[in-house]
């Protein structure tokens, strides 16, 4: 089996191939003209949806709602179903039991359903009215890296196409955004190498950390949440994530020197907050607080990511590599879950 680092290294090629599928995606969704999209997803798929939400609302004039499947099934369905909305399900395995049940119920109500999955042969892809593969091509690990990135890329592509369908976005602008995705893909090998170098420079800190805390502003809040999951399930270790300002609305009371902090910021307002939070943690708690930000240089970390949109793809790649290398140093076997007997008590897949 390939190592997870090899899977991460394959992401640039997979991203390029997926963007090349834009004509096929257009053909699948050409008759959909909806400004309201309800996204339903779990885990990394939920974080991908959250990562695309801000771009869709601010740049594409789409109204996005986002729910976990269990919450949607028991607290939204059936009383808040809207027939003028697209119900979009993101499931990398395509086998989540609750998601499949929701699609079947929505189909009975004749509302449009769409699925983004790794395989079109999966039960969820088969059940949805519209479906499209995310392009991760049989990712070998349960702990998703390429699957997360390709889910996010495919979401961007689909939301762009919906905006074109709605005549909110012109074809030249769609082409521009797709080219930006390609540019980000070409940047990822450099990001991967930079992350590996950074890890080896901070290896002792990463090995000795008792917990990891991630905070992000804007779309990087979703990136922080995905990093939290990656470190928790792969290392494994206690983690948590916050919107950048929420980090100091109570959580700071449990901070201690055994923690390692990553602050992700892109807009100047968030950078300003992140700088002040970093100064507080560094002075009062631990020097192990690292700021990831394109707009400024710091003495902790200088990613120097390029591009105007979709830079969250670069930030998460940096953190995916860190989570893998940290797990390796903890002697974690990433081919196995920690508790395989969980399915004896509760099985979430079909």
C-alpha atoms as a PDB file:
ATOM      1  CA  UNK A   1       0.000   0.000   0.000  1.00  0.00           C
ATOM      2  CA  UNK A   2       1.156   3.552  -0.705  1.00  0.00           C
ATOM      3  CA  UNK A   3       2.096   5.663   2.288  1.00  0.00           C
ATOM      4  CA  UNK A   4      -0.223   8.501   3.191  1.00  0.00           C
ATOM      5  CA  UNK A   5       2.479  10.944   2.170  1.00  0.00           C
ATOM      6  CA  UNK A   6       2.418   9.378  -1.294  1.00  0.00           C
ATOM      7  CA  UNK A   7      -1.355   9.888  -1.339  1.00  0.00           C
ATOM      8  CA  UNK A   8      -0.867  13.553  -0.398  1.00  0.00           C
ATOM      9  CA  UNK A   9       1.791  13.881  -3.097  1.00  0.00           C
ATOM     10  CA  UNK A  10      -0.754  12.600  -5.638  1.00  0.00           C
ATOM     11  CA  UNK A  11      -3.213  15.418  -4.870  1.00  0.00           C
ATOM     12  CA  UNK A  12      -1.808  17.960  -7.400  1.00  0.00           C
ATOM     13  CA  UNK A  13      -2.196  15.487 -10.260  1.00  0.00           C
ATOM     14  CA  UNK A  14      -5.678  14.463  -9.101  1.00  0.00           C
ATOM     15  CA  UNK A  15      -6.723  18.102  -8.707  1.00  0.00           C
ATOM     16  CA  UNK A  16      -5.620  18.905 -12.253  1.00  0.00           C
ATOM     17  CA  UNK A  17      -7.526  15.882 -13.592  1.00  0.00           C
ATOM     18  CA  UNK A  18     -10.654  16.839 -11.667  1.00  0.00           C
ATOM     19  CA  UNK A  19     -10.717  20.424 -12.943  1.00  0.00           C
ATOM     20  CA  UNK A  20     -10.433  18.957 -16.447  1.00  0.00           C
ATOM     21  CA  UNK A  21     -13.784  17.267 -15.746  1.00  0.00           C
ATOM     22  CA  UNK A  22     -15.583  20.631 -15.731  1.00  0.00           C
ATOM     23  CA  UNK A  23     -17.359  19.915 -19.065  1.00  0.00           C
ATOM     24  CA  UNK A  24     -18.660  16.591 -17.731  1.00  0.00           C
ATOM     25  CA  UNK A  25     -19.865  18.284 -14.550  1.00  0.00           C
ATOM     26  CA  UNK A  26     -21.601  20.940 -16.640  1.00  0.00           C
ATOM     27  CA  UNK A  27     -23.404  18.227 -18.614  1.00  0.00           C
ATOM     28  CA  UNK A  28     -24.600  16.517 -15.429  1.00  0.00           C
ATOM     29  CA  UNK A  29     -25.942  19.677 -13.766  1.00  0.00           C
ATOM     30  CA  UNK A  30     -26.863  21.840 -16.775  1.00  0.00           C
ATOM     31  CA  UNK A  31     -30.605  21.865 -16.053  1.00  0.00           C
ATOM     32  CA  UNK A  32     -30.266  22.931 -12.403  1.00  0.00           C
ATOM     33  CA  UNK A  33     -31.102  26.583 -11.808  1.00  0.00           C
ATOM     34  CA  UNK A  34     -31.229  27.095  -8.078  1.00  0.00           C
ATOM     35  CA  UNK A  35     -29.840  29.755  -5.805  1.00  0.00           C
ATOM     36  CA  UNK A  36     -30.546  27.828  -2.587  1.00  0.00           C
ATOM     37  CA  UNK A  37     -28.335  24.834  -1.778  1.00  0.00           C
ATOM     38  CA  UNK A  38     -28.727  22.685   1.324  1.00  0.00           C
ATOM     39  CA  UNK A  39     -25.539  20.720   1.981  1.00  0.00           C
ATOM     40  CA  UNK A  40     -25.606  17.614   4.153  1.00  0.00           C
ATOM     41  CA  UNK A  41     -22.379  15.913   5.183  1.00  0.00           C
ATOM     42  CA  UNK A  42     -20.364  14.406   8.041  1.00  0.00           C
ATOM     43  CA  UNK A  43     -16.769  14.608   9.222  1.00  0.00           C
ATOM     44  CA  UNK A  44     -14.259  15.710   6.597  1.00  0.00           C
ATOM     45  CA  UNK A  45     -17.054  16.054   4.039  1.00  0.00           C
ATOM     46  CA  UNK A  46     -18.811  18.526   6.352  1.00  0.00           C
ATOM     47  CA  UNK A  47     -15.581  20.511   6.672  1.00  0.00           C
ATOM     48  CA  UNK A  48     -15.226  20.580   2.884  1.00  0.00           C
ATOM     49  CA  UNK A  49     -18.767  21.939   2.585  1.00  0.00           C
ATOM     50  CA  UNK A  50     -18.066  24.566   5.249  1.00  0.00           C
ATOM     51  CA  UNK A  51     -14.865  25.481   3.418  1.00  0.00           C
ATOM     52  CA  UNK A  52     -16.796  26.199   0.209  1.00  0.00           C
ATOM     53  CA  UNK A  53     -19.734  27.957   1.870  1.00  0.00           C
ATOM     54  CA  UNK A  54     -18.208  31.412   2.264  1.00  0.00           C
ATOM     55  CA  UNK A  55     -16.965  31.548  -1.343  1.00  0.00           C
ATOM     56  CA  UNK A  56     -20.383  30.481  -2.634  1.00  0.00           C
ATOM     57  CA  UNK A  57     -22.197  33.118  -0.623  1.00  0.00           C
ATOM     58  CA  UNK A  58     -19.780  36.022  -1.137  1.00  0.00           C
ATOM     59  CA  UNK A  59     -18.657  35.424  -4.738  1.00  0.00           C
ATOM     60  CA  UNK A  60     -21.452  33.416  -6.366  1.00  0.00           C
ATOM     61  CA  UNK A  61     -24.617  34.868  -4.802  1.00  0.00           C
ATOM     62  CA  UNK A  62     -25.787  31.470  -3.586  1.00  0.00           C
ATOM     63  CA  UNK A  63     -27.713  30.828  -0.371  1.00  0.00           C
ATOM     64  CA  UNK A  64     -26.047  27.919   1.453  1.00  0.00           C
ATOM     65  CA  UNK A  65     -27.318  25.929   4.418  1.00  0.00           C
ATOM     66  CA  UNK A  66     -25.244  23.175   5.989  1.00  0.00           C
ATOM     67  CA  UNK A  67     -26.311  20.326   8.253  1.00  0.00           C
ATOM     68  CA  UNK A  68     -24.973  17.127   9.744  1.00  0.00           C
ATOM     69  CA  UNK A  69     -27.063  14.159   8.508  1.00  0.00           C
ATOM     70  CA  UNK A  70     -28.337  13.041  11.922  1.00  0.00           C
ATOM     71  CA  UNK A  71     -29.395  16.573  12.854  1.00  0.00           C
ATOM     72  CA  UNK A  72     -31.068  17.109   9.474  1.00  0.00           C
ATOM     73  CA  UNK A  73     -32.994  13.844   9.696  1.00  0.00           C
ATOM     74  CA  UNK A  74     -34.373  14.461  13.169  1.00  0.00           C
ATOM     75  CA  UNK A  75     -34.722  18.262  13.364  1.00  0.00           C
ATOM     76  CA  UNK A  76     -35.170  19.579   9.808  1.00  0.00           C
ATOM     77  CA  UNK A  77     -36.909  16.793   7.896  1.00  0.00           C
ATOM     78  CA  UNK A  78     -39.759  16.736   6.975  1.00  0.00           C
ATOM     79  CA  UNK A  79     -41.195  20.093   8.089  1.00  0.00           C
ATOM     80  CA  UNK A  80     -38.544  22.440   6.675  1.00  0.00           C
ATOM     81  CA  UNK A  81     -38.102  20.908   3.222  1.00  0.00           C
ATOM     82  CA  UNK A  82     -38.108  23.424   0.352  1.00  0.00           C
ATOM     83  CA  UNK A  83     -38.785  22.255  -3.183  1.00  0.00           C
ATOM     84  CA  UNK A  84     -36.910  25.197  -4.703  1.00  0.00           C
ATOM     85  CA  UNK A  85     -33.628  24.104  -3.047  1.00  0.00           C
ATOM     86  CA  UNK A  86     -31.005  21.623  -4.172  1.00  0.00           C
ATOM     87  CA  UNK A  87     -30.185  19.035  -1.523  1.00  0.00           C
ATOM     88  CA  UNK A  88     -26.524  18.272  -1.972  1.00  0.00           C
ATOM     89  CA  UNK A  89     -24.905  15.331  -0.180  1.00  0.00           C
ATOM     90  CA  UNK A  90     -21.143  14.977   0.159  1.00  0.00           C
ATOM     91  CA  UNK A  91     -20.024  11.475   1.149  1.00  0.00           C
ATOM     92  CA  UNK A  92     -16.579  10.286   0.199  1.00  0.00           C
ATOM     93  CA  UNK A  93     -17.410   6.615   0.798  1.00  0.00           C
ATOM     94  CA  UNK A  94     -20.916   6.976  -0.622  1.00  0.00           C
ATOM     95  CA  UNK A  95     -22.114   4.515   1.999  1.00  0.00           C
ATOM     96  CA  UNK A  96     -23.222   6.588   5.015  1.00  0.00           C
ATOM     97  CA  UNK A  97     -26.420   4.957   6.248  1.00  0.00           C
ATOM     98  CA  UNK A  98     -28.176   8.113   7.482  1.00  0.00           C
ATOM     99  CA  UNK A  99     -27.383  10.005   4.270  1.00  0.00           C
ATOM    100  CA  UNK A 100     -28.821   7.226   2.135  1.00  0.00           C
ATOM    101  CA  UNK A 101     -32.005   7.205   4.209  1.00  0.00           C
ATOM    102  CA  UNK A 102     -32.413  10.978   3.832  1.00  0.00           C
ATOM    103  CA  UNK A 103     -31.977  10.832   0.051  1.00  0.00           C
ATOM    104  CA  UNK A 104     -34.594   8.107  -0.222  1.00  0.00           C
ATOM    105  CA  UNK A 105     -37.032  10.192   1.844  1.00  0.00           C
ATOM    106  CA  UNK A 106     -36.371  13.348  -0.192  1.00  0.00           C
ATOM    107  CA  UNK A 107     -36.817  11.477  -3.458  1.00  0.00           C
ATOM    108  CA  UNK A 108     -40.306  10.540  -2.302  1.00  0.00           C
ATOM    109  CA  UNK A 109     -41.042  14.242  -1.909  1.00  0.00           C
ATOM    110  CA  UNK A 110     -39.788  14.974  -5.457  1.00  0.00           C
ATOM    111  CA  UNK A 111     -37.138  17.493  -4.412  1.00  0.00           C
ATOM    112  CA  UNK A 112     -33.839  17.550  -6.331  1.00  0.00           C
ATOM    113  CA  UNK A 113     -31.027  15.566  -4.720  1.00  0.00           C
ATOM    114  CA  UNK A 114     -27.372  15.459  -5.748  1.00  0.00           C
ATOM    115  CA  UNK A 115     -24.412  13.474  -4.451  1.00  0.00           C
ATOM    116  CA  UNK A 116     -20.661  13.949  -4.614  1.00  0.00           C
ATOM    117  CA  UNK A 117     -18.921  10.646  -3.853  1.00  0.00           C
ATOM    118  CA  UNK A 118     -15.735   8.792  -4.671  1.00  0.00           C
ATOM    119  CA  UNK A 119     -17.572   6.164  -6.722  1.00  0.00           C
ATOM    120  CA  UNK A 120     -20.692   6.488  -8.842  1.00  0.00           C
ATOM    121  CA  UNK A 121     -21.381   2.830  -8.047  1.00  0.00           C
ATOM    122  CA  UNK A 122     -21.881   3.651  -4.354  1.00  0.00           C
ATOM    123  CA  UNK A 123     -25.409   3.416  -2.887  1.00  0.00           C
ATOM    124  CA  UNK A 124     -25.627   7.164  -2.275  1.00  0.00           C
ATOM    125  CA  UNK A 125     -24.555   8.086  -5.813  1.00  0.00           C
ATOM    126  CA  UNK A 126     -27.047   5.575  -7.194  1.00  0.00           C
ATOM    127  CA  UNK A 127     -29.887   6.929  -5.065  1.00  0.00           C
ATOM    128  CA  UNK A 128     -29.423  10.644  -5.824  1.00  0.00           C
ATOM    129  CA  UNK A 129     -31.040  12.225  -8.857  1.00  0.00           C
ATOM    130  CA  UNK A 130     -27.731  13.857  -9.822  1.00  0.00           C
ATOM    131  CA  UNK A 131     -24.274  12.547  -8.983  1.00  0.00           C
ATOM    132  CA  UNK A 132     -20.655  13.246  -9.760  1.00  0.00           C
ATOM    133  CA  UNK A 133     -17.373  11.641  -8.661  1.00  0.00           C
ATOM    134  CA  UNK A 134     -14.956  13.705  -6.569  1.00  0.00           C
ATOM    135  CA  UNK A 135     -11.932  12.257  -8.361  1.00  0.00           C
ATOM    136  CA  UNK A 136     -10.012  10.834  -5.394  1.00  0.00           C
ATOM    137  CA  UNK A 137      -9.754   7.437  -7.130  1.00  0.00           C
ATOM    138  CA  UNK A 138      -9.958   4.782  -4.419  1.00  0.00           C
ATOM    139  CA  UNK A 139      -8.130   6.545  -1.618  1.00  0.00           C
ATOM    140  CA  UNK A 140      -6.581   3.685   0.409  1.00  0.00           C
ATOM    141  CA  UNK A 141      -6.912   5.204   3.902  1.00  0.00           C
ATOM    142  CA  UNK A 142      -9.986   5.788   6.056  1.00  0.00           C
ATOM    143  CA  UNK A 143      -8.365   9.003   7.279  1.00  0.00           C
ATOM    144  CA  UNK A 144      -8.975  11.193   4.262  1.00  0.00           C
ATOM    145  CA  UNK A 145      -6.489  13.597   2.716  1.00  0.00           C
ATOM    146  CA  UNK A 146      -6.957  13.509  -1.064  1.00  0.00           C
ATOM    147  CA  UNK A 147     -10.659  12.797  -0.500  1.00  0.00           C
ATOM    148  CA  UNK A 148     -11.058  15.972   1.531  1.00  0.00           C
ATOM    149  CA  UNK A 149      -9.183  18.138  -0.962  1.00  0.00           C
ATOM    150  CA  UNK A 150     -10.971  16.669  -3.985  1.00  0.00           C
ATOM    151  CA  UNK A 151     -14.359  17.045  -2.264  1.00  0.00           C
ATOM    152  CA  UNK A 152     -13.625  20.730  -1.750  1.00  0.00           C
ATOM    153  CA  UNK A 153     -12.428  21.173  -5.337  1.00  0.00           C
ATOM    154  CA  UNK A 154     -15.515  19.431  -6.728  1.00  0.00           C
ATOM    155  CA  UNK A 155     -17.779  21.545  -4.539  1.00  0.00           C
ATOM    156  CA  UNK A 156     -16.173  24.693  -5.893  1.00  0.00           C
ATOM    157  CA  UNK A 157     -16.683  23.434  -9.453  1.00  0.00           C
ATOM    158  CA  UNK A 158     -20.326  22.539  -8.861  1.00  0.00           C
ATOM    159  CA  UNK A 159     -21.143  25.832  -7.125  1.00  0.00           C
ATOM    160  CA  UNK A 160     -19.479  27.750  -9.950  1.00  0.00           C
ATOM    161  CA  UNK A 161     -21.607  25.862 -12.467  1.00  0.00           C
ATOM    162  CA  UNK A 162     -24.803  26.574 -10.524  1.00  0.00           C
ATOM    163  CA  UNK A 163     -23.951  30.271 -10.503  1.00  0.00           C
ATOM    164  CA  UNK A 164     -23.442  30.183 -14.285  1.00  0.00           C
ATOM    165  CA  UNK A 165     -26.736  28.329 -14.697  1.00  0.00           C
ATOM    166  CA  UNK A 166     -28.416  31.051 -12.633  1.00  0.00           C
ATOM    167  CA  UNK A 167     -26.826  33.746 -14.839  1.00  0.00           C
ATOM    168  CA  UNK A 168     -25.139  35.200 -11.747  1.00  0.00           C
ATOM    169  CA  UNK A 169     -21.678  34.373 -13.111  1.00  0.00           C
ATOM    170  CA  UNK A 170     -20.434  34.711 -16.686  1.00  0.00           C
ATOM    171  CA  UNK A 171     -18.497  32.008 -18.515  1.00  0.00           C
ATOM    172  CA  UNK A 172     -15.253  34.064 -18.546  1.00  0.00           C
ATOM    173  CA  UNK A 173     -15.408  34.403 -14.754  1.00  0.00           C
ATOM    174  CA  UNK A 174     -16.028  30.684 -14.373  1.00  0.00           C
ATOM    175  CA  UNK A 175     -12.992  30.005 -16.555  1.00  0.00           C
ATOM    176  CA  UNK A 176     -10.961  32.427 -14.443  1.00  0.00           C
ATOM    177  CA  UNK A 177     -11.876  30.629 -11.218  1.00  0.00           C
ATOM    178  CA  UNK A 178     -11.138  27.215 -12.731  1.00  0.00           C
ATOM    179  CA  UNK A 179      -7.722  28.489 -13.773  1.00  0.00           C
ATOM    180  CA  UNK A 180      -7.140  29.668 -10.197  1.00  0.00           C
ATOM    181  CA  UNK A 181      -7.857  26.120  -9.037  1.00  0.00           C
ATOM    182  CA  UNK A 182      -5.262  24.831 -11.494  1.00  0.00           C
ATOM    183  CA  UNK A 183      -2.730  27.366 -10.229  1.00  0.00           C
ATOM    184  CA  UNK A 184      -3.306  26.285  -6.631  1.00  0.00           C
ATOM    185  CA  UNK A 185      -2.798  22.674  -7.712  1.00  0.00           C
ATOM    186  CA  UNK A 186       0.543  23.553  -9.247  1.00  0.00           C
ATOM    187  CA  UNK A 187       1.569  25.218  -5.979  1.00  0.00           C
ATOM    188  CA  UNK A 188       0.863  22.197  -3.785  1.00  0.00           C
ATOM    189  CA  UNK A 189       4.159  20.299  -4.346  1.00  0.00           C
ATOM    190  CA  UNK A 190       6.038  23.316  -2.975  1.00  0.00           C
ATOM    191  CA  UNK A 191       3.644  23.499  -0.016  1.00  0.00           C
ATOM    192  CA  UNK A 192       4.237  19.801   0.722  1.00  0.00           C
ATOM    193  CA  UNK A 193       8.009  20.251   0.685  1.00  0.00           C
ATOM    194  CA  UNK A 194       7.780  23.345   2.892  1.00  0.00           C
ATOM    195  CA  UNK A 195       5.635  21.446   5.392  1.00  0.00           C
ATOM    196  CA  UNK A 196       8.129  18.587   5.549  1.00  0.00           C
ATOM    197  CA  UNK A 197      10.984  21.022   6.214  1.00  0.00           C
ATOM    198  CA  UNK A 198       8.989  22.840   8.863  1.00  0.00           C
ATOM    199  CA  UNK A 199       8.129  19.595  10.624  1.00  0.00           C
ATOM    200  CA  UNK A 200      11.728  18.460  10.825  1.00  0.00           C
ATOM    201  CA  UNK A 201      12.697  21.849  12.257  1.00  0.00           C
ATOM    202  CA  UNK A 202       9.988  21.543  14.937  1.00  0.00           C
ATOM    203  CA  UNK A 203       9.947  17.776  15.345  1.00  0.00           C
ATOM    204  CA  UNK A 204      10.585  17.749  19.079  1.00  0.00           C
ATOM    205  CA  UNK A 205       7.774  20.205  19.715  1.00  0.00           C
ATOM    206  CA  UNK A 206       5.332  18.155  17.651  1.00  0.00           C
ATOM    207  CA  UNK A 207       6.362  14.882  19.294  1.00  0.00           C
ATOM    208  CA  UNK A 208       6.096  16.225  22.836  1.00  0.00           C
ATOM    209  CA  UNK A 209       2.824  18.107  22.459  1.00  0.00           C
ATOM    210  CA  UNK A 210       0.039  16.912  24.761  1.00  0.00           C
ATOM    211  CA  UNK A 211      -2.722  18.542  22.696  1.00  0.00           C
ATOM    212  CA  UNK A 212      -3.161  20.579  19.518  1.00  0.00           C
ATOM    213  CA  UNK A 213      -5.408  23.614  19.180  1.00  0.00           C
ATOM    214  CA  UNK A 214      -6.345  25.100  15.798  1.00  0.00           C
ATOM    215  CA  UNK A 215      -8.098  28.416  15.145  1.00  0.00           C
ATOM    216  CA  UNK A 216      -8.976  30.016  11.839  1.00  0.00           C
ATOM    217  CA  UNK A 217     -10.761  33.047  10.453  1.00  0.00           C
ATOM    218  CA  UNK A 218     -13.182  33.126   7.519  1.00  0.00           C
ATOM    219  CA  UNK A 219     -12.968  30.035   5.336  1.00  0.00           C
ATOM    220  CA  UNK A 220      -9.903  28.978   7.322  1.00  0.00           C
ATOM    221  CA  UNK A 221     -12.189  28.191  10.249  1.00  0.00           C
ATOM    222  CA  UNK A 222     -13.224  25.111   8.233  1.00  0.00           C
ATOM    223  CA  UNK A 223      -9.542  24.364   7.615  1.00  0.00           C
ATOM    224  CA  UNK A 224      -8.913  24.511  11.359  1.00  0.00           C
ATOM    225  CA  UNK A 225     -11.771  22.044  11.907  1.00  0.00           C
ATOM    226  CA  UNK A 226     -10.371  19.643   9.326  1.00  0.00           C
ATOM    227  CA  UNK A 227      -6.889  19.851  10.880  1.00  0.00           C
ATOM    228  CA  UNK A 228      -8.463  19.096  14.252  1.00  0.00           C
ATOM    229  CA  UNK A 229     -10.010  15.890  12.895  1.00  0.00           C
ATOM    230  CA  UNK A 230      -6.824  14.828  11.121  1.00  0.00           C
ATOM    231  CA  UNK A 231      -4.628  15.133  14.218  1.00  0.00           C
ATOM    232  CA  UNK A 232      -7.228  13.599  16.530  1.00  0.00           C
ATOM    233  CA  UNK A 233      -7.911  10.507  14.439  1.00  0.00           C
ATOM    234  CA  UNK A 234      -4.415   9.946  13.071  1.00  0.00           C
ATOM    235  CA  UNK A 235      -1.895  10.734  15.824  1.00  0.00           C
ATOM    236  CA  UNK A 236      -4.191  10.158  17.894  1.00  0.00           C
ATOM    237  CA  UNK A 237      -4.268  13.043  20.363  1.00  0.00           C
ATOM    238  CA  UNK A 238      -6.677  15.463  21.992  1.00  0.00           C
ATOM    239  CA  UNK A 239      -7.421  18.404  19.689  1.00  0.00           C
ATOM    240  CA  UNK A 240      -9.905  21.226  19.340  1.00  0.00           C
ATOM    241  CA  UNK A 241     -10.659  23.995  16.856  1.00  0.00           C
ATOM    242  CA  UNK A 242     -12.225  27.440  17.024  1.00  0.00           C
ATOM    243  CA  UNK A 243     -13.137  30.448  14.962  1.00  0.00           C
ATOM    244  CA  UNK A 244     -10.170  32.783  15.455  1.00  0.00           C
ATOM    245  CA  UNK A 245     -11.741  35.171  17.982  1.00  0.00           C
ATOM    246  CA  UNK A 246     -13.697  32.467  19.816  1.00  0.00           C
ATOM    247  CA  UNK A 247     -10.370  31.025  20.922  1.00  0.00           C
ATOM    248  CA  UNK A 248     -10.212  33.697  23.643  1.00  0.00           C
ATOM    249  CA  UNK A 249     -13.885  33.645  24.651  1.00  0.00           C
ATOM    250  CA  UNK A 250     -13.330  31.100  27.400  1.00  0.00           C
ATOM    251  CA  UNK A 251     -11.090  28.343  25.965  1.00  0.00           C
ATOM    252  CA  UNK A 252      -7.968  30.280  27.013  1.00  0.00           C
ATOM    253  CA  UNK A 253      -8.705  29.336  30.611  1.00  0.00           C
ATOM    254  CA  UNK A 254      -7.547  25.770  29.957  1.00  0.00           C
ATOM    255  CA  UNK A 255      -4.401  26.622  27.972  1.00  0.00           C
ATOM    256  CA  UNK A 256      -1.159  25.192  29.306  1.00  0.00           C
ATOM    257  CA  UNK A 257       2.464  24.817  28.281  1.00  0.00           C
ATOM    258  CA  UNK A 258       1.977  21.268  26.985  1.00  0.00           C
ATOM    259  CA  UNK A 259      -0.253  22.463  24.137  1.00  0.00           C
ATOM    260  CA  UNK A 260       0.712  23.449  20.592  1.00  0.00           C
ATOM    261  CA  UNK A 261      -1.323  26.118  18.780  1.00  0.00           C
ATOM    262  CA  UNK A 262      -1.825  26.874  15.076  1.00  0.00           C
ATOM    263  CA  UNK A 263      -3.507  30.165  14.154  1.00  0.00           C
ATOM    264  CA  UNK A 264      -4.743  30.472  10.546  1.00  0.00           C
ATOM    265  CA  UNK A 265      -5.590  33.907   9.189  1.00  0.00           C
ATOM    266  CA  UNK A 266      -6.086  35.458   5.751  1.00  0.00           C
ATOM    267  CA  UNK A 267      -8.000  38.744   6.014  1.00  0.00           C
ATOM    268  CA  UNK A 268      -6.282  41.708   7.654  1.00  0.00           C
ATOM    269  CA  UNK A 269      -8.896  41.813  10.427  1.00  0.00           C
ATOM    270  CA  UNK A 270      -8.188  38.180  11.294  1.00  0.00           C
ATOM    271  CA  UNK A 271      -4.427  38.665  10.949  1.00  0.00           C
ATOM    272  CA  UNK A 272      -4.584  41.487  13.477  1.00  0.00           C
ATOM    273  CA  UNK A 273      -6.455  39.286  15.966  1.00  0.00           C
ATOM    274  CA  UNK A 274      -4.155  36.314  15.314  1.00  0.00           C
ATOM    275  CA  UNK A 275      -1.073  38.458  15.950  1.00  0.00           C
ATOM    276  CA  UNK A 276      -2.422  39.610  19.299  1.00  0.00           C
ATOM    277  CA  UNK A 277      -3.506  36.100  20.313  1.00  0.00           C
ATOM    278  CA  UNK A 278      -0.089  34.764  19.342  1.00  0.00           C
ATOM    279  CA  UNK A 279       1.605  37.431  21.463  1.00  0.00           C
ATOM    280  CA  UNK A 280      -0.604  36.541  24.436  1.00  0.00           C
ATOM    281  CA  UNK A 281       0.017  32.792  24.200  1.00  0.00           C
ATOM    282  CA  UNK A 282       3.723  33.220  23.530  1.00  0.00           C
ATOM    283  CA  UNK A 283       4.208  35.565  26.500  1.00  0.00           C
ATOM    284  CA  UNK A 284       1.906  33.934  29.020  1.00  0.00           C
ATOM    285  CA  UNK A 285       1.676  30.217  28.177  1.00  0.00           C
ATOM    286  CA  UNK A 286       4.046  28.616  25.656  1.00  0.00           C
ATOM    287  CA  UNK A 287       6.333  29.530  22.753  1.00  0.00           C
ATOM    288  CA  UNK A 288       4.687  26.752  20.733  1.00  0.00           C
ATOM    289  CA  UNK A 289       2.175  28.938  18.927  1.00  0.00           C
ATOM    290  CA  UNK A 290       2.503  29.178  15.155  1.00  0.00           C
ATOM    291  CA  UNK A 291       0.841  31.671  12.847  1.00  0.00           C
ATOM    292  CA  UNK A 292      -0.004  30.524   9.325  1.00  0.00           C
ATOM    293  CA  UNK A 293      -0.814  33.573   7.234  1.00  0.00           C
ATOM    294  CA  UNK A 294      -0.049  34.767   3.730  1.00  0.00           C
ATOM    295  CA  UNK A 295      -0.390  38.523   4.277  1.00  0.00           C
ATOM    296  CA  UNK A 296       2.476  38.889   6.757  1.00  0.00           C
ATOM    297  CA  UNK A 297       5.831  37.464   7.717  1.00  0.00           C
ATOM    298  CA  UNK A 298       6.339  36.090  11.212  1.00  0.00           C
ATOM    299  CA  UNK A 299       9.291  34.633  13.051  1.00  0.00           C
ATOM    300  CA  UNK A 300       7.320  31.391  13.442  1.00  0.00           C
ATOM    301  CA  UNK A 301       6.193  30.384   9.980  1.00  0.00           C
ATOM    302  CA  UNK A 302       6.141  31.955   6.522  1.00  0.00           C
ATOM    303  CA  UNK A 303       4.037  29.836   4.114  1.00  0.00           C
ATOM    304  CA  UNK A 304       4.050  32.526   1.361  1.00  0.00           C
ATOM    305  CA  UNK A 305       1.033  30.989  -0.334  1.00  0.00           C
ATOM    306  CA  UNK A 306       0.040  32.630  -3.622  1.00  0.00           C
ATOM    307  CA  UNK A 307      -3.335  33.210  -5.278  1.00  0.00           C
ATOM    308  CA  UNK A 308      -6.500  35.140  -4.461  1.00  0.00           C
ATOM    309  CA  UNK A 309      -9.042  32.348  -4.021  1.00  0.00           C
ATOM    310  CA  UNK A 310      -8.971  28.711  -2.910  1.00  0.00           C
ATOM    311  CA  UNK A 311      -5.871  29.194  -0.740  1.00  0.00           C
ATOM    312  CA  UNK A 312      -7.545  27.066   1.942  1.00  0.00           C
ATOM    313  CA  UNK A 313      -6.473  24.127  -0.242  1.00  0.00           C
ATOM    314  CA  UNK A 314      -2.864  25.108   0.395  1.00  0.00           C
ATOM    315  CA  UNK A 315      -3.284  25.621   4.134  1.00  0.00           C
ATOM    316  CA  UNK A 316      -4.907  22.203   4.613  1.00  0.00           C
ATOM    317  CA  UNK A 317      -2.216  20.488   2.551  1.00  0.00           C
ATOM    318  CA  UNK A 318       0.421  21.975   4.858  1.00  0.00           C
ATOM    319  CA  UNK A 319      -1.473  20.638   7.891  1.00  0.00           C
ATOM    320  CA  UNK A 320      -2.223  17.239   6.329  1.00  0.00           C
ATOM    321  CA  UNK A 321       1.515  16.659   5.968  1.00  0.00           C
ATOM    322  CA  UNK A 322       2.101  17.710   9.578  1.00  0.00           C
ATOM    323  CA  UNK A 323      -0.591  15.353  10.855  1.00  0.00           C
ATOM    324  CA  UNK A 324       0.878  12.450   8.880  1.00  0.00           C
ATOM    325  CA  UNK A 325       4.444  13.073  10.064  1.00  0.00           C
ATOM    326  CA  UNK A 326       3.297  13.478  13.669  1.00  0.00           C
ATOM    327  CA  UNK A 327       1.378  10.206  13.433  1.00  0.00           C
ATOM    328  CA  UNK A 328       4.448   8.486  11.999  1.00  0.00           C
ATOM    329  CA  UNK A 329       6.583   9.648  14.922  1.00  0.00           C
ATOM    330  CA  UNK A 330       3.911   8.293  17.274  1.00  0.00           C
ATOM    331  CA  UNK A 331       4.247   4.883  15.544  1.00  0.00           C
ATOM    332  CA  UNK A 332       0.617   4.974  14.426  1.00  0.00           C
ATOM    333  CA  UNK A 333      -0.555   2.292  11.978  1.00  0.00           C
ATOM    334  CA  UNK A 334      -2.784   4.316   9.653  1.00  0.00           C
ATOM    335  CA  UNK A 335      -4.172   1.217   7.964  1.00  0.00           C
ATOM    336  CA  UNK A 336      -6.225   0.489  11.102  1.00  0.00           C
ATOM    337  CA  UNK A 337      -8.753   2.293  13.244  1.00  0.00           C
ATOM    338  CA  UNK A 338      -8.141   2.444  16.984  1.00  0.00           C
ATOM    339  CA  UNK A 339     -11.381   0.624  17.824  1.00  0.00           C
ATOM    340  CA  UNK A 340     -12.467  -1.678  14.967  1.00  0.00           C
ATOM    341  CA  UNK A 341     -15.100  -3.291  17.227  1.00  0.00           C
ATOM    342  CA  UNK A 342     -17.110  -0.052  17.160  1.00  0.00           C
ATOM    343  CA  UNK A 343     -19.264  -1.517  14.393  1.00  0.00           C
ATOM    344  CA  UNK A 344     -20.413  -4.187  16.854  1.00  0.00           C
ATOM    345  CA  UNK A 345     -22.245  -1.390  18.701  1.00  0.00           C
ATOM    346  CA  UNK A 346     -23.091   1.089  15.942  1.00  0.00           C
ATOM    347  CA  UNK A 347     -22.550   0.760  12.202  1.00  0.00           C
ATOM    348  CA  UNK A 348     -22.781   4.048  10.302  1.00  0.00           C
ATOM    349  CA  UNK A 349     -22.416   2.579   6.792  1.00  0.00           C
ATOM    350  CA  UNK A 350     -24.428   0.362   4.464  1.00  0.00           C
END
